[in-house]
Protein backbone atom coordinates (compact mmCIF):
# COMPACT_ATOMS: atom_id res chain seq x y z
CA MET A 1 104.94 -25.91 -1.83
CA LYS A 2 106.59 -24.47 1.78
CA ARG A 3 105.59 -21.50 3.15
CA ILE A 4 107.63 -19.56 3.50
CA ASN A 5 105.78 -16.54 6.26
CA PRO A 6 103.21 -19.47 7.43
CA ALA A 7 99.91 -18.26 7.67
CA GLN A 8 98.25 -17.94 11.29
CA ILE A 9 96.08 -20.68 11.94
CA ALA A 10 94.05 -21.61 15.34
CA LEU A 11 93.55 -24.31 16.91
CA LEU A 12 90.16 -24.48 19.20
CA ALA A 13 90.78 -27.39 21.58
CA ARG A 14 89.69 -28.76 24.99
CA SER A 15 92.22 -29.43 27.43
CA PRO A 16 92.49 -33.49 26.91
CA VAL A 17 91.84 -34.07 30.87
CA LEU A 18 89.87 -37.39 31.71
CA GLY A 19 86.34 -36.51 31.78
CA GLN A 20 86.06 -33.40 30.16
CA VAL A 21 86.30 -34.35 27.09
CA LYS A 22 84.25 -36.49 24.33
CA GLN A 23 81.44 -36.76 26.66
CA ARG A 24 79.11 -38.03 24.23
CA LEU A 25 81.27 -40.79 23.49
CA ALA A 26 82.34 -41.71 26.65
CA ARG A 27 79.04 -42.32 27.34
CA ASP A 28 79.00 -45.48 24.81
CA ILE A 29 82.99 -46.50 25.75
CA GLY A 30 83.89 -45.05 29.13
CA THR A 31 85.80 -41.65 29.95
CA ILE A 32 89.36 -43.81 29.23
CA LYS A 33 88.79 -44.57 25.59
CA ALA A 34 86.88 -41.46 25.07
CA LEU A 35 90.27 -39.94 26.15
CA GLU A 36 92.74 -41.64 24.06
CA CYS A 37 90.64 -41.12 21.17
CA TYR A 38 90.28 -37.42 21.72
CA ARG A 39 94.32 -37.32 22.24
CA LEU A 40 94.32 -38.70 18.66
CA LEU A 41 92.49 -36.67 17.39
CA LEU A 42 94.59 -33.68 19.21
CA GLN A 43 98.05 -35.09 17.49
CA ASN A 44 96.17 -35.16 14.30
CA ALA A 45 95.05 -31.77 14.26
CA LEU A 46 98.83 -30.23 15.91
CA ASP A 47 100.18 -32.84 12.88
CA ALA A 48 98.04 -31.13 10.34
CA THR A 49 99.31 -27.52 11.46
CA ARG A 50 102.99 -28.15 12.11
CA PRO A 51 103.85 -25.68 8.74
CA PHE A 52 101.50 -22.92 10.50
CA ALA A 53 102.46 -20.78 13.09
CA THR A 54 99.48 -22.19 15.33
CA THR A 55 98.20 -21.13 18.35
CA ILE A 56 95.96 -23.00 20.11
CA TRP A 57 92.60 -22.00 21.73
CA PHE A 58 92.01 -23.79 25.19
CA GLU A 59 89.62 -25.00 27.42
CA GLY A 60 90.33 -26.40 30.37
CA SER A 61 93.60 -26.62 32.48
CA VAL A 62 96.85 -24.97 31.18
CA ASP A 63 99.00 -28.15 32.51
CA SER A 64 97.81 -30.61 30.73
CA TRP A 65 99.58 -29.14 27.42
CA ASP A 66 102.68 -29.31 28.33
CA GLU A 67 103.20 -32.54 27.62
CA ILE A 68 101.24 -32.89 24.39
CA ALA A 69 101.86 -29.51 22.71
CA PRO A 70 105.57 -27.95 24.89
CA GLU A 71 106.12 -25.13 21.65
CA HIS A 72 102.64 -24.09 20.90
CA ARG A 73 101.56 -20.98 21.82
CA LEU A 74 98.34 -21.02 24.02
CA ARG A 75 95.66 -18.71 24.53
CA GLU A 76 92.62 -19.50 26.62
CA GLN A 77 89.68 -19.27 25.21
CA PRO A 78 87.56 -16.61 25.68
CA SER A 79 83.79 -16.49 27.56
CA GLY A 80 81.23 -17.18 25.42
CA ASP A 81 79.58 -19.16 22.49
CA LEU A 82 81.60 -21.14 19.88
CA GLY A 83 81.15 -18.01 17.37
CA GLU A 84 82.33 -15.31 19.53
CA LYS A 85 85.65 -17.76 20.31
CA MET A 86 85.79 -17.93 16.67
CA PHE A 87 85.50 -14.33 15.94
CA ALA A 88 87.91 -13.51 18.48
CA ALA A 89 90.94 -15.42 17.08
CA LEU A 90 89.81 -14.44 13.34
CA SER A 91 90.16 -10.56 14.95
CA GLU A 92 93.11 -11.62 16.66
CA GLY A 93 95.12 -12.14 13.27
CA ALA A 94 94.28 -16.12 12.91
CA LYS A 95 93.60 -16.73 8.80
CA LEU A 96 91.96 -19.67 9.42
CA VAL A 97 90.11 -21.66 12.90
CA ILE A 98 89.78 -25.42 13.32
CA GLY A 99 88.63 -27.74 15.59
CA ALA A 100 90.26 -30.95 17.23
CA ASP A 101 87.21 -33.12 16.75
CA VAL A 102 88.13 -34.43 12.67
CA PRO A 103 90.07 -37.11 11.63
CA LEU A 104 91.23 -36.68 8.20
CA MET A 105 92.02 -32.88 8.70
CA SER A 106 95.36 -32.20 6.73
CA VAL A 107 98.13 -30.24 5.65
CA ASP A 108 96.68 -30.19 2.21
CA TYR A 109 93.18 -29.13 3.46
CA LEU A 110 94.47 -26.58 5.04
CA ASN A 111 96.46 -25.16 2.28
CA ARG A 112 93.59 -25.45 -0.09
CA ALA A 113 91.71 -23.29 2.45
CA LEU A 114 94.48 -20.73 2.41
CA ASP A 115 94.92 -20.68 -1.42
CA HIS A 116 91.32 -19.92 -1.63
CA LEU A 117 91.38 -17.03 0.76
CA ALA A 118 94.83 -15.71 -0.82
CA THR A 119 93.19 -15.49 -4.43
CA ASN A 120 89.14 -14.14 -4.12
CA LYS A 121 87.67 -15.89 -1.86
CA ASP A 122 86.13 -13.65 1.36
CA LEU A 123 85.06 -16.79 3.50
CA VAL A 124 86.49 -20.41 3.33
CA LEU A 125 84.15 -23.12 5.12
CA GLY A 126 85.01 -26.95 5.73
CA PRO A 127 81.99 -28.46 5.96
CA THR A 128 81.01 -31.18 8.24
CA GLU A 129 78.31 -34.24 7.49
CA ASP A 130 76.11 -33.29 10.52
CA GLY A 131 75.55 -29.67 8.88
CA GLY A 132 78.40 -27.95 11.00
CA TYR A 133 81.91 -27.06 10.17
CA CYS A 134 85.24 -27.86 10.75
CA LEU A 135 87.23 -24.82 9.74
CA ILE A 136 86.58 -21.43 8.53
CA GLY A 137 89.22 -18.62 7.01
CA MET A 138 88.16 -14.81 7.00
CA ASN A 139 90.56 -12.07 5.38
CA ASP A 140 88.20 -9.37 7.44
CA PRO A 141 86.00 -10.97 10.24
CA SER A 142 82.62 -10.10 10.62
CA GLU A 143 80.68 -10.26 13.78
CA HIS A 144 77.40 -10.21 12.17
CA LEU A 145 78.84 -13.76 10.73
CA PHE A 146 78.48 -15.33 13.94
CA LYS A 147 75.39 -14.10 15.53
CA ASN A 148 72.13 -16.29 16.05
CA ILE A 149 72.92 -19.18 14.79
CA SER A 150 72.07 -22.23 16.52
CA TRP A 151 75.44 -23.63 17.63
CA GLY A 152 75.50 -27.42 18.07
CA SER A 153 73.13 -27.92 15.80
CA ASP A 154 72.11 -29.16 12.25
CA LEU A 155 71.70 -26.13 10.98
CA VAL A 156 75.03 -23.96 11.65
CA LEU A 157 75.92 -24.38 8.04
CA GLU A 158 73.25 -23.43 6.61
CA GLN A 159 72.52 -20.56 8.65
CA THR A 160 76.40 -18.85 8.48
CA LEU A 161 75.64 -19.22 4.54
CA SER A 162 72.65 -16.97 4.91
CA ARG A 163 74.61 -14.70 6.66
CA ALA A 164 77.26 -14.70 4.23
CA THR A 165 74.64 -13.72 1.57
CA ASP A 166 73.66 -10.81 3.57
CA LEU A 167 77.17 -9.58 3.81
CA GLY A 168 77.79 -10.36 0.30
CA LEU A 169 80.48 -12.30 0.89
CA ARG A 170 82.20 -14.40 -1.86
CA VAL A 171 82.09 -17.69 -0.41
CA PHE A 172 84.01 -21.27 -1.12
CA LEU A 173 83.46 -24.41 0.70
CA LEU A 174 85.83 -26.99 1.06
CA SER A 175 84.64 -30.95 0.83
CA LYS A 176 82.84 -32.14 3.63
CA LEU A 177 84.65 -34.11 6.32
CA TRP A 178 83.36 -35.74 9.10
CA ASP A 179 84.11 -35.28 13.41
CA ILE A 180 83.76 -38.06 15.59
CA ASP A 181 80.96 -37.27 18.77
CA THR A 182 79.82 -41.30 19.07
CA SER A 183 80.71 -44.80 19.16
CA ALA A 184 79.62 -45.14 15.51
CA ASP A 185 81.79 -42.35 14.53
CA TYR A 186 85.16 -44.26 16.00
CA GLN A 187 84.01 -47.28 14.81
CA ARG A 188 84.21 -45.60 11.35
CA TRP A 189 87.59 -44.02 12.08
CA LYS A 190 88.86 -47.72 13.08
CA GLN A 191 87.97 -48.64 9.33
CA GLU A 192 88.89 -45.67 7.67
CA THR A 193 92.62 -45.47 9.27
CA PRO A 194 95.33 -47.56 9.80
CA THR A 195 94.83 -49.91 12.61
CA ASP A 196 98.01 -48.86 14.42
CA LYS A 197 96.65 -44.86 14.55
CA VAL A 198 93.26 -46.22 16.42
CA PHE A 199 92.80 -47.79 19.51
CA ARG A 200 91.04 -50.80 19.82
CA VAL A 201 87.46 -50.40 21.88
């Protein structure tokens, strides 16, 4: 169903610059291939958000976005940890905040999140297999939800759900996805994606 008034979505991403993205992956496959991989992931995220009013909250050089997303609104990420950055995006009107590392992010996934926010949920999360999440949606952002979270660990989702319980939020968990950080993740992507969509390593 086409949305007449597209929801605001914030895409948190690093600027696609050689040597500055996917550094764990780069240790296995090299910086050039890691950048190619990241650009593919980023393009997938941009495709998924195409029907919506999307702002790219970037970290790094603004110049690198001219080619990739010339028509998108850009906003430099504020200083602070990941929680502070997501809270800032939600506080400025974004309904959903997503990352750029998930190969299976899709329009349908985003629509499901928005549908649950529009019905009776206060918080929607898209869990990832590593114990974190790749999507968060809120109608009324609460800073407490993002406090004292062990960002980058496998406790992120668990701790966030605990904060949500403290706040009395009605939570919906979307289907679990996975992100790409290592060579094993990349090989999995190649196996589960049409060959013309993934660079060979």
